[in-house]
C-alpha cells in the first residue's frame, strides 16, 4: 500500500472492502490509465480496493472498454510466443510508445530485467501488455544518462525533463535534451547525433570537466528505487539506457 503510515499487515477483506485504504489514507496502485475510464466513482474505488502487482518501477494498470482490465500474469517473450494473440498484443503495446519490438523480442522475460505485465479486458477479452525495466541492465547497456527533473515535474510531462548525454562528447560539450519520459527508451538513441539535437529541443551545454564531480554529488535518496542526486543546483536521477543500436 502507498501510505504515509507504517503498515506491516493487511487483511484481504479490509483491502477488498476499501476499509484499509480509508483507514490509512492510502492506495495500492501507483498509476493507471484512469483517463480511459469515464466513471469517477469507479476510478476512486479501483485505487481503494485493488491490490497491486510486483513491478520494477511501480504498478501501471491498463484499461479497456471504459473499465480497468484484470491483471493476468507476468510474461516474457517466451510466454507471448505461445499465445495466438501475440501480434495483436505487441501491436497494441506499440501505441504506448515504450520499448521497441526488437528490444522486446530479445530481452523481454517474466523473471528478467525487462518484464511484461499482461492484462485482459473484462468486457471484450482483449489482451493488453505493459512493460517496465530494472535499473540493473549492465549486461545490455552501453551508456549512462542523468535525467534532470525540473521542480519534480510529473514524469510524463515533456516540459519537466532534460536529458544529459554523459559519455559521448561532441565538440567537448554534453548536450541537454528535453524529452517525454515515456518516449525516452525508444527515441533517445537519436540524441547522440548533434544534427538531430533540435528534434530534442536543445537547451544548453555542460562542460565535461563538471562531470568529474558527479561522483561526489550529494545522494538525496531514492524515488521508486532510483537514486536521486543533487549536483550543481540540479536534481539528477540516475538511469540506465539500453543501446538499441547493438
Foldseek 3Di string as FASTA:
>chain_A
DDAPDDDDDDDLVCLQVLVVCVVRVFFAFPEEVLVLADDPVQVVNCRRRPHADDDQQTHYWYADPNHTWAWDAKAAVVVLVPDPCNVVQLVQVVVLQAADPVCRNPFEGSPDQKIKTWTAYPPPRDIYIDIDGHQPPVVQFDFKKKWFAAVVDDLQDQVGIWIWGQDQDDPQWTWIFGGRNRNCQPPCLVVSDPVCRVVRPTDDTDGNVQVVCVVVFAFPDDDSNWTWTQGPNTIITIGTYGNPVD
